[in-house]
Every structure is written in structure tokens, then in C-alpha cells.
Amino acid sequence: MIARPLHVERLAALARRNPVTAILGARQVGKTTLARQVAAACDEPAHRFDLDEPADLARLGDPHLALSGLAGLVIIDEVQRRPDLFRALRPLADRPNRPARFLVLGSASPELLNQSAESLAGRIAYYELPGFSVTEVGAAALVPLWGRGGFPRSFLAESDAASYDWRRSFIRTFLERDLAELGIRIRSETLRRFWTMIAHYHGQVWNGAELARAFGIAGTTVRHYLDTLSAALALRQLQPWHENVGKRQVKSPKVFVADSGLMHALLGLESDDDLQGHPKVGASWEGFAGGEVMTHLGARREECFFWATHAGAELDLLVVRGRRRRAFEFKYTSAPTVTRSMHVAMADLGLPRLDVIHAGTAAFEMAPGIHAIPLAELARHVEPL
């Protein structure tokens, strides 16, 4: 088991401030293991219900009766199987002195678990758990982490072939079973085709009209597919940032397959040799490195943007929290060079610093305010928010 102390620390802080904390993430990304690590770090009793287990599901048939007498940390796993539980948690969360704190684990975003937003507004904090990061597995494992992705079973598989087989099986199960459990009633083969198409468009600005023509359906329908897979945490949308700079700016999101290993499986890339010879290698690096930066910073989805103008200037990642701005470019090279676009982005957005995350081993200053940082040494050179 790989320890995840950064996530344990962040979750413990959220749980101290909120009566209910939700860990959200794709199935098998490590939510249950992390919840056990959080429980082990607590100086109080812990109780766990797994709604994939019929016995625990039956115990929560009357949730108030089952939960009201418990003290300490109460963990409810796979909560999307019983979204009505959020309504039952409200009176328990409002009790004086908070005899119990609740940690609920779900395989979907708040948009799909909408009863949590409706029933627990002001009482629940969300924490989106990504797969393993390079900080957790070590810089020496960066290449296999990129190729296999961050799902524990995929990354820890005994061979590239075994990892690839696991990811292909995961994709099939996710489309045929997991989405149905979330109440999504789109044909699995349709979503497989769409997900695969997004893998080919990975890292590009969303063009709904082009995808609609390729599918032979309405633009609103392909947008529904995009939002559905995003809410199920299979895709990541990076929203555009707008600044009053007197230039025409891009207004559509960039789209990414959320996990690099799943992207490679959708494209049929089994090994690093396959990836290196594929035209999407640079886009894959951008999505992978961007995810690593967001995880390291502790940035929430709503704090992360890209910026681009129709004249060609762009910035791969802009993280905004309050008045603070952090800017990043991602280059799949060991020797990145300064571009005119970098200077335009710094001037137009008023950025004091821009970090270029690259695939090499050396950190150096490229120009005043522009720094080259190896992804393997991200934690040494970039402070979390």
C-alpha cells in the first residue's frame, strides 16, 4: 500500500471544520484505502458502512436509527447507491457538539449527487481524489505513472500488459455497470465511441459542432455526453479564463480524459514505445502534467483555467485563488525555450511568474519571471497554495 499523507492531512483539516466531508473520485481510485488511512490517523472510534455489501445496505434501511447512536468518525462508502442518505444526514449534522463526523465516499461529482447539495448546503465539504501522483510514487516512477495512469491497480500491475488489460476491463465495467448505477441511461457503446473520440481530441478546445457532425447528431446531444462523462469524473473540462485585455479570447473549454492511463487504453497504446510514437504524446503530457500540478497545489476544479486569444497567445493552466494567480505551461521536452506567447500571457494577465513544467531533469531560469521546472521535481520548486 502506498501512503498518501498529503491527502490524509487535507481531509483531516476538512473533517475538523465540517460535519460532513465527501471524498469524490472514480471507482477504484483509492477512496476506501484513503478513508482507512484517515480513520487510522484519528484519535477517536471509527465506524464503516460499505453500501456495496448487502448487510451494510440493510443496516442503513433506517439510517437515523443506525447512525444516531454512533460517535467519532462514521464512514459511508459508495454513497451514490443510496443518495437519499444525504437527507438523513442533515439532522445528524446539526446536532450540538457534533458527537459524530461523517465521511462519505462517492464515485461521482456533486452534480450527479445533487441531493447532497440540496440537503446538506453549508454542512458538507467536497474533496476530489485523483490517482497516484509523482510525489507519492517517486520521481523514478514518473514514466510508468504517466503511461499507466494513477489508478492503484493499473500502476501497481506486474507488467505493462497486465496494466493495459486492467484498464480495458475497467473501461468496459465503467460504461456497462457503473454509469447505470449513477442513473445514466445512455447506451454504453455510444459513450465508448464518444470517450474514444475525446481521447483523440485530448487537450484541445471543445468543438461541439465538429463532434456533432462526426456522430451525426445534434450539438446539444454531444454536449450532454461531455457533461455526463465529466460529472462521472471520466473527463476533465478546463474552463477558459477571461480578462479585459481588448482581445478576442477563446470561450470554450479544453477537454481531457481525466486519467492518462485510460486515455492511452482508449487509443490502444499499451507501452511507452507505443506512446512515444503517437501524435498525441504532447497532448498526453500536457494533461498528465497539468493534473500533477493541480494535485500538488491543492487546487479545486473551479479554481483552474486555461487562457487563449484568437490571435494565438495562450496559457496552458492558470490557477486563481482570491487575488493569487499561478501560471503554468507544459512542454514535452528537456530543453524548453521562451516563446512570444509566454511574454504576451504574462503582460496581458499581469503575471509576476510563469513556470514551464518539462520532461527533463534541470531547473533553470529561462527569462526574468519565467522558470523551467522538471515535473519530477515539482514539489521542490513550487509551493502549494
Protein backbone atom coordinates (compact mmCIF):
# COMPACT_ATOMS: atom_id res chain seq x y z
CA MET A 1 0.00 0.00 0.00
CA ILE A 2 1.29 3.46 -0.91
CA ALA A 3 0.77 6.02 1.86
CA ARG A 4 -0.99 9.23 0.87
CA PRO A 5 -0.12 11.62 3.73
CA LEU A 6 -0.88 14.82 1.80
CA HIS A 7 -4.48 13.72 1.13
CA VAL A 8 -4.89 12.45 4.71
CA GLU A 9 -3.78 15.83 6.04
CA ARG A 10 -6.08 17.80 3.75
CA LEU A 11 -9.06 15.56 4.53
CA ALA A 12 -8.45 15.70 8.27
CA ALA A 13 -8.48 19.50 8.09
CA LEU A 14 -11.79 19.47 6.18
CA ALA A 15 -13.33 16.99 8.61
CA ARG A 16 -12.42 19.18 11.58
CA ARG A 17 -14.29 22.13 10.05
CA ASN A 18 -17.32 20.37 8.55
CA PRO A 19 -19.81 17.85 9.96
CA VAL A 20 -19.87 16.01 6.60
CA THR A 21 -16.96 15.56 4.19
CA ALA A 22 -17.32 13.81 0.84
CA ILE A 23 -14.42 12.09 -0.92
CA LEU A 24 -15.28 12.01 -4.61
CA GLY A 25 -13.38 10.03 -7.21
CA ALA A 26 -13.71 7.36 -9.84
CA ARG A 27 -14.28 3.79 -8.70
CA GLN A 28 -11.05 2.02 -7.66
CA VAL A 29 -9.06 5.24 -7.48
CA GLY A 30 -8.29 4.56 -3.80
CA LYS A 31 -11.09 6.25 -1.83
CA THR A 32 -11.66 3.31 0.53
CA THR A 33 -7.96 2.89 1.28
CA LEU A 34 -7.60 6.61 1.91
CA ALA A 35 -10.63 6.60 4.25
CA ARG A 36 -8.96 3.82 6.25
CA GLN A 37 -5.79 5.92 6.48
CA VAL A 38 -7.84 8.89 7.70
CA ALA A 39 -9.54 6.68 10.30
CA ALA A 40 -6.18 5.32 11.48
CA ALA A 41 -4.90 8.88 11.96
CA CYS A 42 -7.90 9.90 14.11
CA ASP A 43 -7.88 9.77 17.91
CA GLU A 44 -11.50 8.58 18.03
CA PRO A 45 -13.52 5.50 17.19
CA ALA A 46 -14.38 4.87 13.55
CA HIS A 47 -17.38 3.06 12.08
CA ARG A 48 -17.64 1.98 8.44
CA PHE A 49 -20.57 1.09 6.17
CA ASP A 50 -19.93 -0.23 2.66
CA LEU A 51 -23.06 0.08 0.54
CA ASP A 52 -21.66 -2.49 -1.91
CA GLU A 53 -22.19 -5.00 0.93
CA PRO A 54 -25.82 -6.24 1.28
CA ALA A 55 -25.51 -6.44 5.07
CA ASP A 56 -24.43 -2.80 5.42
CA LEU A 57 -27.07 -1.72 2.94
CA ALA A 58 -29.69 -3.46 5.09
CA ARG A 59 -28.31 -1.90 8.31
CA LEU A 60 -28.93 1.52 6.81
CA GLY A 61 -32.52 0.74 5.90
CA ASP A 62 -33.42 3.12 8.73
CA PRO A 63 -30.42 5.48 8.61
CA HIS A 64 -31.42 7.59 11.62
CA LEU A 65 -31.73 4.52 13.81
CA ALA A 66 -28.42 3.09 12.54
CA LEU A 67 -26.38 6.29 12.75
CA SER A 68 -27.77 8.40 15.58
CA GLY A 69 -26.10 6.37 18.35
CA LEU A 70 -22.62 6.44 16.81
CA ALA A 71 -19.81 8.73 17.92
CA GLY A 72 -16.49 9.53 16.30
CA LEU A 73 -15.85 9.12 12.59
CA VAL A 74 -18.59 7.45 10.52
CA ILE A 75 -17.52 6.33 7.02
CA ILE A 76 -20.17 5.54 4.39
CA ASP A 77 -18.66 4.03 1.24
CA GLU A 78 -20.27 4.06 -2.25
CA VAL A 79 -22.89 6.57 -1.14
CA GLN A 80 -24.15 7.01 -4.71
CA ARG A 81 -26.06 3.74 -4.20
CA ARG A 82 -28.24 5.50 -1.60
CA PRO A 83 -28.32 9.24 -2.41
CA ASP A 84 -31.36 9.59 -0.11
CA LEU A 85 -28.92 9.21 2.79
CA PHE A 86 -27.87 12.83 2.36
CA ARG A 87 -31.28 13.96 3.55
CA ALA A 88 -31.00 11.67 6.59
CA LEU A 89 -27.57 13.12 7.47
CA ARG A 90 -28.88 16.66 7.78
CA PRO A 91 -30.39 16.40 11.31
CA LEU A 92 -27.38 14.38 12.45
CA ALA A 93 -25.02 17.06 11.15
CA ASP A 94 -26.95 19.76 13.02
CA ARG A 95 -26.71 18.16 16.49
CA PRO A 96 -24.99 20.22 19.23
CA ASN A 97 -21.34 19.38 19.93
CA ARG A 98 -21.17 17.11 16.85
CA PRO A 99 -20.87 13.69 18.51
CA ALA A 100 -20.09 12.19 15.09
CA ARG A 101 -18.42 13.40 11.92
CA PHE A 102 -19.36 11.79 8.64
CA LEU A 103 -17.01 10.85 5.81
CA VAL A 104 -18.95 9.78 2.73
CA LEU A 105 -17.32 8.27 -0.36
CA GLY A 106 -18.86 8.60 -3.80
CA SER A 107 -17.97 7.81 -7.41
CA ALA A 108 -19.48 10.92 -8.97
CA SER A 109 -19.34 14.71 -8.84
CA PRO A 110 -21.77 16.81 -6.78
CA GLU A 111 -23.73 17.46 -9.98
CA LEU A 112 -24.79 13.79 -10.02
CA LEU A 113 -25.05 13.51 -6.24
CA ASN A 114 -27.36 16.54 -6.31
CA GLN A 115 -29.25 15.56 -3.18
CA SER A 116 -26.10 16.31 -1.19
CA ALA A 117 -26.09 19.91 -2.44
CA GLU A 118 -29.80 20.28 -1.77
CA SER A 119 -29.90 18.61 1.65
CA LEU A 120 -26.52 19.50 3.14
CA ALA A 121 -25.84 23.00 1.84
CA GLY A 122 -23.41 24.71 4.20
CA ARG A 123 -22.70 21.44 6.02
CA ILE A 124 -20.69 19.41 3.51
CA ALA A 125 -17.22 19.85 2.03
CA TYR A 126 -16.12 18.04 -1.14
CA TYR A 127 -12.68 16.59 -1.78
CA GLU A 128 -11.94 15.18 -5.23
CA LEU A 129 -9.37 12.40 -5.02
CA PRO A 130 -7.09 11.89 -8.03
CA GLY A 131 -5.00 8.81 -8.71
CA PHE A 132 -1.42 8.42 -7.53
CA SER A 133 0.88 11.40 -8.09
CA VAL A 134 4.60 11.50 -8.78
CA THR A 135 5.15 12.90 -5.28
CA GLU A 136 3.61 9.71 -3.85
CA VAL A 137 5.27 7.12 -6.09
CA GLY A 138 8.65 8.82 -6.50
CA ALA A 139 10.38 10.57 -9.39
CA ALA A 140 11.92 7.31 -10.63
CA ALA A 141 8.41 6.03 -11.42
CA LEU A 142 7.29 9.10 -13.39
CA VAL A 143 7.31 7.40 -16.81
CA PRO A 144 5.28 4.31 -15.77
CA LEU A 145 2.90 6.58 -13.82
CA TRP A 146 2.31 8.66 -16.94
CA GLY A 147 1.86 5.61 -19.15
CA ARG A 148 -0.29 3.53 -16.80
CA GLY A 149 -2.16 6.35 -15.06
CA GLY A 150 -2.87 6.84 -11.38
CA PHE A 151 -5.37 4.06 -10.62
CA PRO A 152 -3.62 1.92 -7.97
CA ARG A 153 -4.26 -1.46 -9.65
CA SER A 154 -3.14 -0.14 -13.00
CA PHE A 155 0.02 1.50 -11.70
CA LEU A 156 0.99 -1.43 -9.45
CA ALA A 157 0.33 -4.14 -12.05
CA GLU A 158 3.16 -6.62 -12.62
CA SER A 159 3.66 -5.62 -16.26
CA ASP A 160 2.57 -3.11 -18.87
CA ALA A 161 0.42 -5.81 -20.46
CA ALA A 162 -1.34 -6.57 -17.16
CA SER A 163 -1.90 -2.86 -16.54
CA TYR A 164 -3.31 -2.41 -20.03
CA ASP A 165 -5.68 -5.37 -19.58
CA TRP A 166 -6.90 -3.95 -16.26
CA ARG A 167 -7.63 -0.57 -17.84
CA ARG A 168 -9.52 -2.09 -20.76
CA SER A 169 -11.60 -4.11 -18.30
CA PHE A 170 -12.19 -1.01 -16.17
CA ILE A 171 -13.46 0.94 -19.19
CA ARG A 172 -15.92 -1.82 -20.06
CA THR A 173 -17.21 -2.14 -16.47
CA PHE A 174 -17.45 1.61 -16.04
CA LEU A 175 -19.53 2.02 -19.18
CA GLU A 176 -21.73 -1.05 -18.77
CA ARG A 177 -22.35 -1.03 -14.99
CA ASP A 178 -21.07 1.98 -13.08
CA LEU A 179 -22.81 4.63 -15.19
CA ALA A 180 -26.12 2.75 -14.95
CA GLU A 181 -25.81 2.75 -11.13
CA LEU A 182 -25.48 6.55 -11.32
CA GLY A 183 -28.77 6.74 -13.19
CA ILE A 184 -27.20 7.42 -16.61
CA ARG A 185 -29.26 5.82 -19.36
CA ILE A 186 -27.09 6.41 -22.45
CA ARG A 187 -26.09 3.30 -24.39
CA SER A 188 -22.65 2.09 -23.28
CA GLU A 189 -21.42 1.66 -26.86
CA THR A 190 -22.39 5.24 -27.69
CA LEU A 191 -20.43 6.57 -24.74
CA ARG A 192 -17.48 4.32 -25.58
CA ARG A 193 -17.33 5.84 -29.08
CA PHE A 194 -17.62 9.35 -27.65
CA TRP A 195 -14.98 8.74 -24.93
CA THR A 196 -12.59 7.31 -27.53
CA MET A 197 -13.18 10.31 -29.77
CA ILE A 198 -12.39 12.66 -26.87
CA ALA A 199 -9.13 10.73 -26.36
CA HIS A 200 -8.21 11.75 -29.92
CA TYR A 201 -9.21 15.37 -29.12
CA HIS A 202 -7.47 15.29 -25.71
CA GLY A 203 -6.04 18.71 -24.81
CA GLN A 204 -7.95 20.59 -27.50
CA VAL A 205 -10.58 23.31 -27.22
CA TRP A 206 -14.08 21.84 -27.33
CA ASN A 207 -15.63 21.96 -30.78
CA GLY A 208 -19.16 20.61 -30.36
CA ALA A 209 -20.16 21.28 -33.95
CA GLU A 210 -17.31 19.16 -35.33
CA LEU A 211 -18.05 16.28 -32.96
CA ALA A 212 -21.78 16.50 -33.68
CA ARG A 213 -21.07 16.17 -37.41
CA ALA A 214 -18.85 13.16 -36.77
CA PHE A 215 -21.62 11.48 -34.74
CA GLY A 216 -24.43 12.66 -36.97
CA ILE A 217 -26.38 14.07 -34.02
CA ALA A 218 -27.28 17.46 -32.54
CA GLY A 219 -24.68 19.66 -30.86
CA THR A 220 -26.75 19.70 -27.67
CA THR A 221 -26.55 15.91 -27.54
CA VAL A 222 -22.76 15.71 -27.74
CA ARG A 223 -22.56 18.46 -25.11
CA HIS A 224 -24.78 16.28 -22.91
CA TYR A 225 -22.34 13.38 -23.41
CA LEU A 226 -19.43 15.66 -22.45
CA ASP A 227 -21.13 16.89 -19.29
CA THR A 228 -22.23 13.35 -18.36
CA LEU A 229 -18.72 11.87 -18.53
CA SER A 230 -17.32 14.95 -16.77
CA ALA A 231 -19.81 14.53 -13.92
CA ALA A 232 -18.85 10.85 -13.71
CA LEU A 233 -15.21 12.02 -13.35
CA ALA A 234 -14.09 10.29 -16.56
CA LEU A 235 -13.34 13.58 -18.36
CA ARG A 236 -11.93 16.89 -17.17
CA GLN A 237 -13.02 20.21 -18.56
CA LEU A 238 -10.68 23.15 -18.13
CA GLN A 239 -12.72 26.33 -18.39
CA PRO A 240 -11.46 29.44 -20.23
CA TRP A 241 -10.33 32.50 -18.28
CA HIS A 242 -11.49 35.92 -19.47
CA GLU A 243 -9.54 39.11 -18.92
CA ASN A 244 -10.37 42.65 -20.02
CA VAL A 245 -7.44 42.93 -22.43
CA GLY A 246 -9.18 44.22 -25.54
CA LYS A 247 -8.56 40.99 -27.47
CA ARG A 248 -10.87 38.25 -28.73
CA GLN A 249 -10.48 35.38 -26.29
CA VAL A 250 -11.40 31.71 -26.56
CA LYS A 251 -14.66 30.97 -24.74
CA SER A 252 -14.97 27.18 -24.99
CA PRO A 253 -13.38 24.72 -22.53
CA LYS A 254 -10.45 22.44 -23.16
CA VAL A 255 -11.28 18.75 -22.72
CA PHE A 256 -9.10 15.97 -21.33
CA VAL A 257 -9.52 12.31 -20.44
CA ALA A 258 -9.14 12.58 -16.66
CA ASP A 259 -6.58 9.76 -16.28
CA SER A 260 -3.61 9.42 -18.62
CA GLY A 261 -3.65 5.62 -18.42
CA LEU A 262 -7.28 5.46 -19.50
CA MET A 263 -6.55 7.86 -22.35
CA HIS A 264 -3.76 5.57 -23.57
CA ALA A 265 -6.00 2.50 -23.29
CA LEU A 266 -8.74 4.22 -25.30
CA LEU A 267 -6.15 4.94 -28.00
CA GLY A 268 -4.79 1.38 -27.92
CA LEU A 269 -1.37 2.41 -26.54
CA GLU A 270 -0.05 -0.45 -24.41
CA SER A 271 3.60 0.53 -23.85
CA ASP A 272 5.80 3.60 -23.60
CA ASP A 273 7.14 2.83 -27.09
CA ASP A 274 3.57 2.99 -28.41
CA LEU A 275 3.03 6.34 -26.68
CA GLN A 276 6.29 7.90 -27.87
CA GLY A 277 5.40 7.17 -31.49
CA HIS A 278 1.87 8.56 -31.25
CA PRO A 279 0.89 12.08 -32.42
CA LYS A 280 -0.94 12.71 -29.12
CA VAL A 281 2.18 12.29 -26.97
CA GLY A 282 2.49 16.06 -26.37
CA ALA A 283 -1.19 16.46 -25.52
CA SER A 284 -0.97 13.46 -23.21
CA TRP A 285 1.96 15.08 -21.39
CA GLU A 286 0.01 18.33 -21.02
CA GLY A 287 -2.96 16.57 -19.42
CA PHE A 288 -0.77 14.43 -17.17
CA ALA A 289 1.50 17.26 -16.02
CA GLY A 290 -1.47 19.59 -15.55
CA GLY A 291 -3.16 17.06 -13.29
CA GLU A 292 0.05 16.68 -11.27
CA VAL A 293 0.27 20.45 -10.77
CA MET A 294 -3.38 20.75 -9.69
CA THR A 295 -2.94 17.91 -7.18
CA HIS A 296 0.27 19.37 -5.78
CA LEU A 297 -1.22 22.85 -5.41
CA GLY A 298 -4.40 21.51 -3.81
CA ALA A 299 -6.40 23.46 -6.41
CA ARG A 300 -10.11 22.83 -6.83
CA ARG A 301 -11.67 22.36 -10.27
CA GLU A 302 -13.38 25.75 -10.11
CA GLU A 303 -10.01 27.45 -9.50
CA CYS A 304 -8.33 26.08 -12.65
CA PHE A 305 -8.49 27.65 -16.11
CA PHE A 306 -6.64 28.00 -19.39
CA TRP A 307 -6.35 31.26 -21.33
CA ALA A 308 -6.13 31.80 -25.08
CA THR A 309 -6.76 34.51 -27.63
CA HIS A 310 -7.83 34.09 -31.23
CA ALA A 311 -4.53 35.73 -32.21
CA GLY A 312 -2.66 32.68 -30.92
CA ALA A 313 -1.46 33.66 -27.42
CA GLU A 314 -2.27 31.07 -24.78
CA LEU A 315 -1.53 29.78 -21.32
CA ASP A 316 -1.97 26.07 -20.51
CA LEU A 317 -3.00 26.47 -16.86
CA LEU A 318 -3.99 29.46 -14.75
CA VAL A 319 -4.88 28.77 -11.12
CA VAL A 320 -6.79 31.56 -9.41
CA ARG A 321 -7.50 31.64 -5.68
CA GLY A 322 -8.61 35.01 -4.38
CA ARG A 323 -6.05 37.54 -5.62
CA ARG A 324 -3.37 34.92 -6.16
CA ARG A 325 -2.58 33.69 -9.65
CA ARG A 326 -0.28 30.83 -10.58
CA ALA A 327 0.58 30.27 -14.23
CA PHE A 328 1.97 27.16 -15.95
CA GLU A 329 2.98 25.94 -19.38
CA PHE A 330 3.65 22.26 -20.14
CA LYS A 331 6.33 21.21 -22.65
CA TYR A 332 7.27 17.64 -23.54
CA THR A 333 10.95 18.41 -23.95
CA SER A 334 14.05 18.52 -21.77
CA ALA A 335 15.08 21.96 -23.05
CA PRO A 336 12.07 24.32 -23.21
CA THR A 337 12.56 27.74 -24.77
CA VAL A 338 10.82 31.05 -24.22
CA THR A 339 8.04 31.86 -26.67
CA ARG A 340 6.36 35.10 -27.59
CA SER A 341 3.10 33.64 -26.27
CA MET A 342 4.62 33.37 -22.78
CA HIS A 343 5.53 37.06 -22.76
CA VAL A 344 2.07 38.04 -24.05
CA ALA A 345 0.35 35.95 -21.37
CA MET A 346 2.48 37.47 -18.60
CA ALA A 347 1.85 41.01 -19.82
CA ASP A 348 -1.88 40.65 -20.51
CA LEU A 349 -2.67 38.75 -17.32
CA GLY A 350 -0.33 40.70 -15.04
CA LEU A 351 1.62 37.61 -14.00
CA PRO A 352 4.76 38.05 -11.88
CA ARG A 353 5.91 34.48 -12.63
CA LEU A 354 5.31 31.68 -15.12
CA ASP A 355 6.54 28.11 -14.55
CA VAL A 356 7.25 25.87 -17.54
CA ILE A 357 6.88 22.22 -16.47
CA HIS A 358 9.02 19.99 -18.67
CA ALA A 359 10.18 16.39 -19.06
CA GLY A 360 13.87 16.96 -18.36
CA THR A 361 15.94 16.95 -15.18
CA ALA A 362 17.24 20.53 -14.82
CA ALA A 363 15.57 23.55 -13.23
CA PHE A 364 16.69 26.92 -14.55
CA GLU A 365 15.56 30.48 -15.21
CA MET A 366 14.59 30.92 -18.86
CA ALA A 367 13.94 34.68 -18.69
CA PRO A 368 13.01 37.18 -15.96
CA GLY A 369 9.98 35.65 -14.22
CA ILE A 370 9.92 32.53 -16.43
CA HIS A 371 11.26 29.36 -14.82
CA ALA A 372 11.80 25.86 -16.24
CA ILE A 373 10.93 23.13 -13.71
CA PRO A 374 11.20 19.36 -14.20
CA LEU A 375 7.91 17.62 -13.41
CA ALA A 376 9.86 15.07 -11.36
CA GLU A 377 10.99 17.92 -9.04
CA LEU A 378 7.71 19.81 -8.87
CA ALA A 379 7.45 19.60 -5.07
CA ARG A 380 10.94 21.10 -4.64
CA HIS A 381 10.30 24.20 -6.72
CA VAL A 382 6.57 25.01 -6.50
CA GLU A 383 4.83 25.85 -3.24
CA PRO A 384 1.26 24.56 -2.68
CA LEU A 385 -1.49 27.16 -2.44
